[in-house]
C-alpha atoms as a PDB file:
ATOM      1  CA  MET A   1      81.252  39.413 107.002  1.00  0.00           C
ATOM      2  CA  LYS A   2      83.388  36.379 107.842  1.00  0.00           C
ATOM      3  CA  ILE A   3      82.241  33.002 106.506  1.00  0.00           C
ATOM      4  CA  ASP A   4      82.939  29.782 108.403  1.00  0.00           C
ATOM      5  CA  TYR A   5      83.840  27.240 105.703  1.00  0.00           C
ATOM      6  CA  SER A   6      84.751  24.457 108.144  1.00  0.00           C
ATOM      7  CA  GLU A   7      81.648  22.385 107.306  1.00  0.00           C
ATOM      8  CA  TYR A   8      81.174  23.587 103.723  1.00  0.00           C
ATOM      9  CA  PHE A   9      80.229  20.749 101.323  1.00  0.00           C
ATOM     10  CA  TRP A  10      81.703  22.403  98.238  1.00  0.00           C
ATOM     11  CA  GLN A  11      85.375  22.310  99.200  1.00  0.00           C
ATOM     12  CA  ASP A  12      88.199  20.105 100.352  1.00  0.00           C
ATOM     13  CA  ASN A  13      91.482  21.176 101.913  1.00  0.00           C
ATOM     14  CA  LYS A  14      92.781  22.903  98.732  1.00  0.00           C
ATOM     15  CA  VAL A  15      89.950  23.906  96.382  1.00  0.00           C
ATOM     16  CA  ARG A  16      86.468  25.412  96.681  1.00  0.00           C
ATOM     17  CA  LEU A  17      83.552  25.526  94.250  1.00  0.00           C
ATOM     18  CA  ARG A  18      81.302  28.574  94.316  1.00  0.00           C
ATOM     19  CA  ALA A  19      78.665  30.252  92.198  1.00  0.00           C
ATOM     20  CA  VAL A  20      79.797  32.202  89.161  1.00  0.00           C
ATOM     21  CA  HIS A  21      79.737  35.947  89.874  1.00  0.00           C
ATOM     22  CA  PRO A  22      79.186  38.603  87.199  1.00  0.00           C
ATOM     23  CA  GLU A  23      82.684  39.981  87.885  1.00  0.00           C
ATOM     24  CA  ASP A  24      84.232  36.605  86.956  1.00  0.00           C
ATOM     25  CA  TRP A  25      84.112  37.778  83.329  1.00  0.00           C
ATOM     26  CA  LYS A  26      87.643  39.171  83.668  1.00  0.00           C
ATOM     27  CA  GLU A  27      89.235  35.801  84.446  1.00  0.00           C
ATOM     28  CA  ASP A  28      87.121  34.154  81.732  1.00  0.00           C
ATOM     29  CA  TYR A  29      88.277  36.710  79.173  1.00  0.00           C
ATOM     30  CA  VAL A  30      91.958  36.226  80.012  1.00  0.00           C
ATOM     31  CA  SER A  31      91.734  32.418  80.051  1.00  0.00           C
ATOM     32  CA  ASN A  32      90.057  32.427  76.613  1.00  0.00           C
ATOM     33  CA  PHE A  33      93.390  33.467  75.078  1.00  0.00           C
ATOM     34  CA  ASP A  34      94.863  30.041  75.956  1.00  0.00           C
ATOM     35  CA  THR A  35      94.120  28.487  72.553  1.00  0.00           C
ATOM     36  CA  PRO A  36      95.584  25.017  73.297  1.00  0.00           C
ATOM     37  CA  ALA A  37      93.430  24.688  76.428  1.00  0.00           C
ATOM     38  CA  ARG A  38      90.336  26.030  74.676  1.00  0.00           C
ATOM     39  CA  ARG A  39      90.837  23.519  71.847  1.00  0.00           C
ATOM     40  CA  LEU A  40      90.933  20.668  74.368  1.00  0.00           C
ATOM     41  CA  LEU A  41      87.807  21.979  76.099  1.00  0.00           C
ATOM     42  CA  GLU A  42      85.684  23.023  73.115  1.00  0.00           C
ATOM     43  CA  CYS A  43      87.206  20.702  70.486  1.00  0.00           C
ATOM     44  CA  SER A  44      87.498  23.602  68.083  1.00  0.00           C
ATOM     45  CA  THR A  45      89.435  26.773  67.438  1.00  0.00           C
ATOM     46  CA  GLU A  46      87.221  29.583  68.648  1.00  0.00           C
ATOM     47  CA  LEU A  47      87.040  33.070  67.263  1.00  0.00           C
ATOM     48  CA  PRO A  48      89.053  35.657  69.208  1.00  0.00           C
ATOM     49  CA  PRO A  49      87.684  36.339  72.708  1.00  0.00           C
ATOM     50  CA  THR A  50      85.614  39.423  73.358  1.00  0.00           C
ATOM     51  CA  ILE A  51      84.950  41.314  76.532  1.00  0.00           C
ATOM     52  CA  ALA A  52      81.252  41.396  75.644  1.00  0.00           C
ATOM     53  CA  GLY A  53      81.217  37.595  75.217  1.00  0.00           C
ATOM     54  CA  SER A  54      82.884  36.994  78.578  1.00  0.00           C
ATOM     55  CA  LYS A  55      80.547  39.444  80.311  1.00  0.00           C
ATOM     56  CA  LYS A  56      77.526  37.782  78.715  1.00  0.00           C
ATOM     57  CA  SER A  57      78.710  34.306  79.754  1.00  0.00           C
ATOM     58  CA  ALA A  58      79.320  35.407  83.346  1.00  0.00           C
ATOM     59  CA  GLU A  59      75.918  37.125  83.541  1.00  0.00           C
ATOM     60  CA  GLU A  60      74.077  34.136  82.018  1.00  0.00           C
ATOM     61  CA  ASN A  61      75.676  31.734  84.487  1.00  0.00           C
ATOM     62  CA  ALA A  62      75.811  33.926  87.592  1.00  0.00           C
ATOM     63  CA  ASP A  63      74.223  32.533  90.730  1.00  0.00           C
ATOM     64  CA  PHE A  64      73.222  29.260  89.014  1.00  0.00           C
ATOM     65  CA  SER A  65      70.820  31.102  86.720  1.00  0.00           C
ATOM     66  CA  SER A  66      71.888  29.258  83.559  1.00  0.00           C
ATOM     67  CA  THR A  67      69.112  27.989  81.344  1.00  0.00           C
ATOM     68  CA  ASN A  68      71.365  25.827  79.147  1.00  0.00           C
ATOM     69  CA  GLY A  69      71.171  22.763  81.396  1.00  0.00           C
ATOM     70  CA  ARG A  70      74.611  23.260  82.897  1.00  0.00           C
ATOM     71  CA  ILE A  71      75.288  23.893  86.552  1.00  0.00           C
ATOM     72  CA  MET A  72      78.283  26.227  86.401  1.00  0.00           C
ATOM     73  CA  PHE A  73      80.798  26.801  89.209  1.00  0.00           C
ATOM     74  CA  THR A  74      83.880  28.936  89.619  1.00  0.00           C
ATOM     75  CA  LEU A  75      86.888  27.145  91.087  1.00  0.00           C
ATOM     76  CA  GLU A  76      88.997  28.945  93.606  1.00  0.00           C
ATOM     77  CA  THR A  77      91.761  28.198  96.064  1.00  0.00           C
ATOM     78  CA  LEU A  78      90.944  28.419  99.744  1.00  0.00           C
ATOM     79  CA  LYS A  79      92.592  31.863  99.613  1.00  0.00           C
ATOM     80  CA  GLY A  80      89.883  32.965  97.159  1.00  0.00           C
ATOM     81  CA  GLU A  81      92.015  32.973  93.987  1.00  0.00           C
ATOM     82  CA  ASN A  82      89.913  32.241  90.883  1.00  0.00           C
ATOM     83  CA  ILE A  83      91.645  29.290  89.178  1.00  0.00           C
ATOM     84  CA  GLY A  84      89.096  28.068  86.618  1.00  0.00           C
ATOM     85  CA  GLY A  85      85.637  26.658  86.169  1.00  0.00           C
ATOM     86  CA  ILE A  86      83.728  23.389  86.330  1.00  0.00           C
ATOM     87  CA  ASN A  87      80.205  22.410  85.366  1.00  0.00           C
ATOM     88  CA  LEU A  88      77.794  19.533  85.659  1.00  0.00           C
ATOM     89  CA  ASN A  89      76.159  18.965  82.269  1.00  0.00           C
ATOM     90  CA  SER A  90      74.309  16.518  80.018  1.00  0.00           C
ATOM     91  CA  ILE A  91      72.233  15.472  83.029  1.00  0.00           C
ATOM     92  CA  ASP A  92      69.769  12.704  82.178  1.00  0.00           C
ATOM     93  CA  GLU A  93      67.658  12.207  85.314  1.00  0.00           C
ATOM     94  CA  ARG A  94      65.719   9.284  83.822  1.00  0.00           C
ATOM     95  CA  ASN A  95      68.832   7.229  83.050  1.00  0.00           C
ATOM     96  CA  GLY A  96      71.016   8.687  85.791  1.00  0.00           C
ATOM     97  CA  THR A  97      73.842   9.829  83.529  1.00  0.00           C
ATOM     98  CA  PHE A  98      75.853  13.046  83.376  1.00  0.00           C
ATOM     99  CA  SER A  99      79.097  14.671  82.261  1.00  0.00           C
ATOM    100  CA  ILE A 100      81.428  17.271  83.714  1.00  0.00           C
ATOM    101  CA  GLY A 101      83.349  20.034  81.959  1.00  0.00           C
ATOM    102  CA  ILE A 102      86.404  21.559  83.610  1.00  0.00           C
ATOM    103  CA  VAL A 103      89.117  24.084  82.819  1.00  0.00           C
ATOM    104  CA  ILE A 104      91.989  25.066  85.083  1.00  0.00           C
ATOM    105  CA  ASP A 105      93.912  28.276  84.391  1.00  0.00           C
ATOM    106  CA  LYS A 106      97.406  27.690  83.032  1.00  0.00           C
ATOM    107  CA  GLU A 107      99.377  28.726  86.105  1.00  0.00           C
ATOM    108  CA  TYR A 108      97.384  26.327  88.336  1.00  0.00           C
ATOM    109  CA  ARG A 109      97.553  23.180  86.182  1.00  0.00           C
ATOM    110  CA  GLY A 110      99.364  20.093  87.402  1.00  0.00           C
ATOM    111  CA  MET A 111      98.736  20.883  91.072  1.00  0.00           C
ATOM    112  CA  GLY A 112      95.807  18.516  91.601  1.00  0.00           C
ATOM    113  CA  TYR A 113      93.117  21.208  91.709  1.00  0.00           C
ATOM    114  CA  GLY A 114      91.196  19.677  88.791  1.00  0.00           C
ATOM    115  CA  THR A 115      91.081  16.204  90.316  1.00  0.00           C
ATOM    116  CA  ARG A 116      89.982  17.637  93.663  1.00  0.00           C
ATOM    117  CA  ALA A 117      87.217  19.711  92.047  1.00  0.00           C
ATOM    118  CA  MET A 118      86.049  16.688  90.048  1.00  0.00           C
ATOM    119  CA  LYS A 119      85.779  14.614  93.236  1.00  0.00           C
ATOM    120  CA  ILE A 120      83.610  17.281  94.855  1.00  0.00           C
ATOM    121  CA  LEU A 121      81.271  17.425  91.856  1.00  0.00           C
ATOM    122  CA  LEU A 122      81.191  13.627  91.471  1.00  0.00           C
ATOM    123  CA  ARG A 123      80.298  13.308  95.168  1.00  0.00           C
ATOM    124  CA  TYR A 124      77.433  15.764  94.629  1.00  0.00           C
ATOM    125  CA  ALA A 125      76.179  14.019  91.476  1.00  0.00           C
ATOM    126  CA  PHE A 126      76.345  10.508  92.924  1.00  0.00           C
ATOM    127  CA  LEU A 127      75.459  11.057  96.575  1.00  0.00           C
ATOM    128  CA  GLU A 128      73.100  14.051  96.435  1.00  0.00           C
ATOM    129  CA  ARG A 129      71.502  13.939  92.969  1.00  0.00           C
ATOM    130  CA  ARG A 130      71.184  10.106  92.860  1.00  0.00           C
ATOM    131  CA  LEU A 131      72.863   9.965  89.464  1.00  0.00           C
ATOM    132  CA  ASN A 132      74.508   6.656  88.615  1.00  0.00           C
ATOM    133  CA  LYS A 133      76.948   7.008  85.712  1.00  0.00           C
ATOM    134  CA  PHE A 134      79.505   9.625  84.739  1.00  0.00           C
ATOM    135  CA  ASN A 135      80.222   9.586  80.986  1.00  0.00           C
ATOM    136  CA  ASP A 136      82.813  11.806  79.382  1.00  0.00           C
ATOM    137  CA  TYR A 137      85.541  11.938  76.781  1.00  0.00           C
ATOM    138  CA  VAL A 138      89.048  13.258  76.409  1.00  0.00           C
ATOM    139  CA  LEU A 139      90.373  14.551  73.113  1.00  0.00           C
ATOM    140  CA  GLU A 140      93.230  12.347  71.918  1.00  0.00           C
ATOM    141  CA  GLY A 141      96.559  13.762  73.041  1.00  0.00           C
ATOM    142  CA  ASN A 142      95.129  15.351  76.188  1.00  0.00           C
ATOM    143  CA  GLU A 143      97.341  13.306  78.490  1.00  0.00           C
ATOM    144  CA  ALA A 144      96.692  15.434  81.591  1.00  0.00           C
ATOM    145  CA  SER A 145      92.927  14.895  81.403  1.00  0.00           C
ATOM    146  CA  ALA A 146      93.352  11.187  80.621  1.00  0.00           C
ATOM    147  CA  LYS A 147      95.552  10.822  83.708  1.00  0.00           C
ATOM    148  CA  MET A 148      92.985  12.703  85.814  1.00  0.00           C
ATOM    149  CA  MET A 149      90.191  10.408  84.607  1.00  0.00           C
ATOM    150  CA  GLU A 150      92.236   7.364  85.547  1.00  0.00           C
ATOM    151  CA  ASN A 151      93.128   8.830  88.959  1.00  0.00           C
ATOM    152  CA  LEU A 152      89.414   9.344  89.611  1.00  0.00           C
ATOM    153  CA  GLY A 153      88.803   5.658  88.849  1.00  0.00           C
ATOM    154  CA  CYS A 154      87.227   6.123  85.420  1.00  0.00           C
ATOM    155  CA  ILE A 155      87.392   3.224  82.997  1.00  0.00           C
ATOM    156  CA  GLN A 156      88.373   3.789  79.373  1.00  0.00           C
ATOM    157  CA  GLU A 157      85.303   2.486  77.547  1.00  0.00           C
ATOM    158  CA  GLY A 158      86.185   3.101  73.939  1.00  0.00           C
ATOM    159  CA  ARG A 159      87.155   5.506  71.223  1.00  0.00           C
ATOM    160  CA  ARG A 160      85.096   7.544  68.781  1.00  0.00           C
ATOM    161  CA  ARG A 161      87.315   7.892  65.771  1.00  0.00           C
ATOM    162  CA  GLN A 162      87.880  11.085  63.799  1.00  0.00           C
ATOM    163  CA  VAL A 163      84.956  13.027  65.279  1.00  0.00           C
ATOM    164  CA  VAL A 164      86.470  16.514  65.401  1.00  0.00           C
ATOM    165  CA  TYR A 165      88.629  18.494  62.999  1.00  0.00           C
ATOM    166  CA  ILE A 166      91.226  20.703  64.672  1.00  0.00           C
ATOM    167  CA  ASN A 167      94.418  22.273  63.405  1.00  0.00           C
ATOM    168  CA  GLY A 168      94.255  20.505  60.042  1.00  0.00           C
ATOM    169  CA  LYS A 169      93.516  16.980  61.218  1.00  0.00           C
ATOM    170  CA  PHE A 170      90.710  14.719  62.369  1.00  0.00           C
ATOM    171  CA  MET A 171      90.975  13.632  65.979  1.00  0.00           C
ATOM    172  CA  ASP A 172      89.435  10.956  68.200  1.00  0.00           C
ATOM    173  CA  PHE A 173      87.534  11.104  71.464  1.00  0.00           C
ATOM    174  CA  ILE A 174      88.709   8.669  74.144  1.00  0.00           C
ATOM    175  CA  LEU A 175      85.572   7.656  76.074  1.00  0.00           C
ATOM    176  CA  TYR A 176      85.585   7.265  79.854  1.00  0.00           C
ATOM    177  CA  GLY A 177      82.959   6.170  82.345  1.00  0.00           C
ATOM    178  CA  LEU A 178      82.549   5.814  86.094  1.00  0.00           C
ATOM    179  CA  THR A 179      79.619   4.329  87.981  1.00  0.00           C
ATOM    180  CA  LYS A 180      78.463   5.422  91.410  1.00  0.00           C
ATOM    181  CA  HIS A 181      79.517   2.060  92.833  1.00  0.00           C
ATOM    182  CA  GLU A 182      83.022   2.362  91.327  1.00  0.00           C
ATOM    183  CA  PHE A 183      83.395   5.896  92.676  1.00  0.00           C
ATOM    184  CA  ILE A 184      82.342   4.884  96.187  1.00  0.00           C
ATOM    185  CA  GLU A 185      84.633   1.848  96.208  1.00  0.00           C
ATOM    186  CA  LYS A 186      87.656   3.870  95.065  1.00  0.00           C
ATOM    187  CA  HIS A 187      87.039   6.875  97.352  1.00  0.00           C
ATOM    188  CA  ARG A 188      85.162   5.303 100.308  1.00  0.00           C
ATOM    189  CA  GLU A 189      87.666   6.479 102.912  1.00  0.00           C
ATOM    190  CA  GLU A 190      87.661  10.086 101.657  1.00  0.00           C
ATOM    191  CA  LEU A 191      83.855  10.069 101.497  1.00  0.00           C
ATOM    192  CA  ASN A 192      83.523   8.935 105.127  1.00  0.00           C
ATOM    193  CA  LEU A 193      81.063   6.196 104.152  1.00  0.00           C
END
Protein backbone atom coordinates (compact mmCIF):
# COMPACT_ATOMS: atom_id res chain seq x y z
CA MET A 1 0.00 0.00 0.00
CA LYS A 2 1.45 3.36 -1.05
CA ILE A 3 0.61 6.38 1.12
CA ASP A 4 0.33 9.86 -0.38
CA TYR A 5 1.95 12.16 2.20
CA SER A 6 1.70 15.31 0.06
CA GLU A 7 -1.04 16.86 2.24
CA TYR A 8 -0.09 15.19 5.53
CA PHE A 9 -0.31 17.58 8.52
CA TRP A 10 2.30 15.77 10.60
CA GLN A 11 5.36 16.44 8.45
CA ASP A 12 7.39 19.11 6.74
CA ASN A 13 9.96 18.66 3.99
CA LYS A 14 12.45 16.74 6.21
CA VAL A 15 10.75 15.12 9.21
CA ARG A 16 7.52 13.23 9.91
CA LEU A 17 5.70 12.46 13.16
CA ARG A 18 3.82 9.18 13.40
CA ALA A 19 2.27 6.94 16.02
CA VAL A 20 4.57 4.80 18.12
CA HIS A 21 4.54 1.19 16.90
CA PRO A 22 5.20 -1.81 19.15
CA GLU A 23 8.31 -2.64 17.08
CA ASP A 24 9.82 0.77 17.93
CA TRP A 25 11.12 -0.83 21.14
CA LYS A 26 14.38 -1.72 19.38
CA GLU A 27 15.32 1.90 18.64
CA ASP A 28 14.21 2.93 22.14
CA TYR A 29 16.41 0.26 23.70
CA VAL A 30 19.49 1.30 21.72
CA SER A 31 18.98 5.02 22.36
CA ASN A 32 18.67 4.40 26.12
CA PHE A 33 22.40 3.61 26.21
CA ASP A 34 23.19 7.28 25.42
CA THR A 35 23.61 8.31 29.07
CA PRO A 36 24.44 12.00 28.42
CA ALA A 37 21.28 12.42 26.32
CA ARG A 38 19.14 10.50 28.81
CA ARG A 39 20.44 12.70 31.64
CA LEU A 40 19.40 15.82 29.72
CA LEU A 41 15.97 14.34 29.01
CA GLU A 42 15.16 12.69 32.34
CA CYS A 43 17.35 14.85 34.60
CA SER A 44 18.71 11.75 36.27
CA THR A 45 20.98 8.80 35.70
CA GLU A 46 18.70 5.89 34.91
CA LEU A 47 19.30 2.27 35.71
CA PRO A 48 20.66 0.21 32.81
CA PRO A 49 18.18 -0.22 29.94
CA THR A 50 16.25 -3.44 29.58
CA ILE A 51 14.63 -5.01 26.58
CA ALA A 52 11.52 -5.67 28.68
CA GLY A 53 11.36 -1.98 29.68
CA SER A 54 11.64 -0.78 26.08
CA LYS A 55 9.03 -3.28 24.91
CA LYS A 56 6.67 -2.22 27.70
CA SER A 57 7.13 1.48 26.87
CA ALA A 58 6.48 0.90 23.16
CA GLU A 59 3.38 -1.20 23.90
CA GLU A 60 1.99 1.32 26.42
CA ASN A 61 2.40 4.19 23.95
CA ALA A 62 1.57 2.41 20.69
CA ASP A 63 -1.15 3.95 18.56
CA PHE A 64 -1.71 6.85 21.01
CA SER A 65 -2.97 4.46 23.68
CA SER A 66 -0.97 6.03 26.52
CA THR A 67 -2.84 6.67 29.73
CA ASN A 68 -0.12 8.82 31.31
CA GLY A 69 -1.35 12.08 29.78
CA ARG A 70 1.34 12.21 27.12
CA ILE A 71 0.69 12.10 23.40
CA MET A 72 3.71 10.17 22.14
CA PHE A 73 5.07 10.25 18.58
CA THR A 74 7.95 8.59 16.79
CA LEU A 75 10.07 10.91 14.67
CA GLU A 76 11.25 9.70 11.32
CA THR A 77 12.87 11.08 8.20
CA LEU A 78 10.80 11.20 5.05
CA LYS A 79 12.64 8.00 4.06
CA GLY A 80 11.09 6.28 7.10
CA GLU A 81 14.23 6.17 9.29
CA ASN A 82 13.34 6.25 13.01
CA ILE A 83 15.35 9.18 14.44
CA GLY A 84 13.81 9.75 17.88
CA GLY A 85 10.66 10.65 19.72
CA ILE A 86 8.58 13.64 20.75
CA ASN A 87 5.58 14.05 23.02
CA LEU A 88 3.01 16.61 24.04
CA ASN A 89 2.68 16.56 27.83
CA SER A 90 1.59 18.47 30.94
CA ILE A 91 -1.51 19.59 29.04
CA ASP A 92 -3.70 21.90 31.11
CA GLU A 93 -6.83 22.50 29.03
CA ARG A 94 -8.32 24.95 31.54
CA ASN A 95 -5.30 27.28 31.49
CA GLY A 96 -4.16 26.44 27.97
CA THR A 97 -0.62 25.41 28.90
CA PHE A 98 1.55 22.48 27.84
CA SER A 99 5.09 21.16 27.48
CA ILE A 100 6.92 19.07 24.92
CA GLY A 101 9.55 16.38 25.45
CA ILE A 102 11.91 15.46 22.62
CA VAL A 103 14.91 13.23 22.01
CA ILE A 104 16.83 12.89 18.76
CA ASP A 105 19.11 9.89 18.23
CA LYS A 106 22.80 10.76 18.36
CA GLU A 107 23.60 10.35 14.68
CA TYR A 108 20.76 12.72 13.68
CA ARG A 109 21.45 15.59 16.11
CA GLY A 110 22.46 19.00 14.83
CA MET A 111 20.61 18.58 11.53
CA GLY A 112 17.51 20.60 12.43
CA TYR A 113 15.18 17.62 12.85
CA GLY A 114 14.34 18.54 16.45
CA THR A 115 13.41 22.13 15.63
CA ARG A 116 11.29 20.97 12.69
CA ALA A 117 9.46 18.39 14.82
CA MET A 118 8.87 20.98 17.55
CA LYS A 119 7.31 23.37 15.02
CA ILE A 120 4.91 20.66 13.86
CA LEU A 121 3.84 19.86 17.43
CA LEU A 122 3.61 23.55 18.40
CA ARG A 123 1.42 24.18 15.35
CA TYR A 124 -0.86 21.34 16.46
CA ALA A 125 -1.02 22.52 20.08
CA PHE A 126 -1.65 26.17 19.24
CA LEU A 127 -3.76 25.95 16.08
CA GLU A 128 -5.67 22.69 16.57
CA ARG A 129 -5.91 22.18 20.34
CA ARG A 130 -6.45 25.91 21.15
CA LEU A 131 -3.67 25.86 23.73
CA ASN A 132 -2.09 29.22 24.46
CA LYS A 133 1.26 28.84 26.24
CA PHE A 134 4.18 26.47 25.84
CA ASN A 135 6.21 26.16 29.07
CA ASP A 136 9.36 24.11 29.30
CA TYR A 137 12.85 24.02 30.73
CA VAL A 138 16.34 23.12 29.65
CA LEU A 139 18.87 21.62 32.03
CA GLU A 140 21.79 24.02 32.49
CA GLY A 141 24.58 23.18 30.07
CA ASN A 142 22.23 21.81 27.41
CA GLU A 143 23.29 24.37 24.83
CA ALA A 144 21.73 22.56 21.86
CA SER A 145 18.26 22.59 23.43
CA ALA A 146 18.66 26.21 24.58
CA LYS A 147 19.55 27.21 21.02
CA MET A 148 16.55 25.28 19.67
CA MET A 149 14.21 27.04 22.12
CA GLU A 150 15.54 30.41 21.01
CA ASN A 151 15.25 29.49 17.32
CA LEU A 152 11.60 28.59 17.93
CA GLY A 153 11.03 32.05 19.42
CA CYS A 154 10.84 30.98 23.07
CA ILE A 155 11.65 33.57 25.70
CA GLN A 156 13.92 32.71 28.62
CA GLU A 157 11.63 33.39 31.58
CA GLY A 158 13.81 32.47 34.52
CA ARG A 159 15.88 29.90 36.31
CA ARG A 160 15.00 27.34 38.97
CA ARG A 161 18.18 26.92 40.92
CA GLN A 162 19.67 23.62 42.05
CA VAL A 163 16.56 21.51 41.40
CA VAL A 164 18.19 18.28 40.21
CA TYR A 165 21.22 16.32 41.37
CA ILE A 166 23.19 14.67 38.58
CA ASN A 167 26.73 13.38 38.39
CA GLY A 168 27.67 14.70 41.83
CA LYS A 169 26.29 18.22 41.56
CA PHE A 170 23.09 20.23 41.82
CA MET A 171 21.94 21.76 38.56
CA ASP A 172 19.51 24.46 37.46
CA PHE A 173 16.57 24.46 35.08
CA ILE A 174 16.50 27.33 32.58
CA LEU A 175 12.81 28.16 32.04
CA TYR A 176 11.42 28.99 28.61
CA GLY A 177 8.00 30.03 27.39
CA LEU A 178 6.23 30.77 24.12
CA THR A 179 2.71 32.09 23.63
CA LYS A 180 0.48 31.27 20.69
CA HIS A 181 0.68 34.89 19.53
CA GLU A 182 4.51 34.85 19.66
CA PHE A 183 4.63 31.58 17.73
CA ILE A 184 2.30 32.86 15.01
CA GLU A 185 4.19 36.14 14.67
CA LYS A 186 7.57 34.40 14.36
CA HIS A 187 6.40 31.63 11.99
CA ARG A 188 3.46 33.29 10.15
CA GLU A 189 4.93 32.76 6.69
CA GLU A 190 5.66 29.06 7.29
CA LEU A 191 2.18 28.58 8.76
CA ASN A 192 0.47 30.08 5.70
CA LEU A 193 -1.67 32.35 7.89
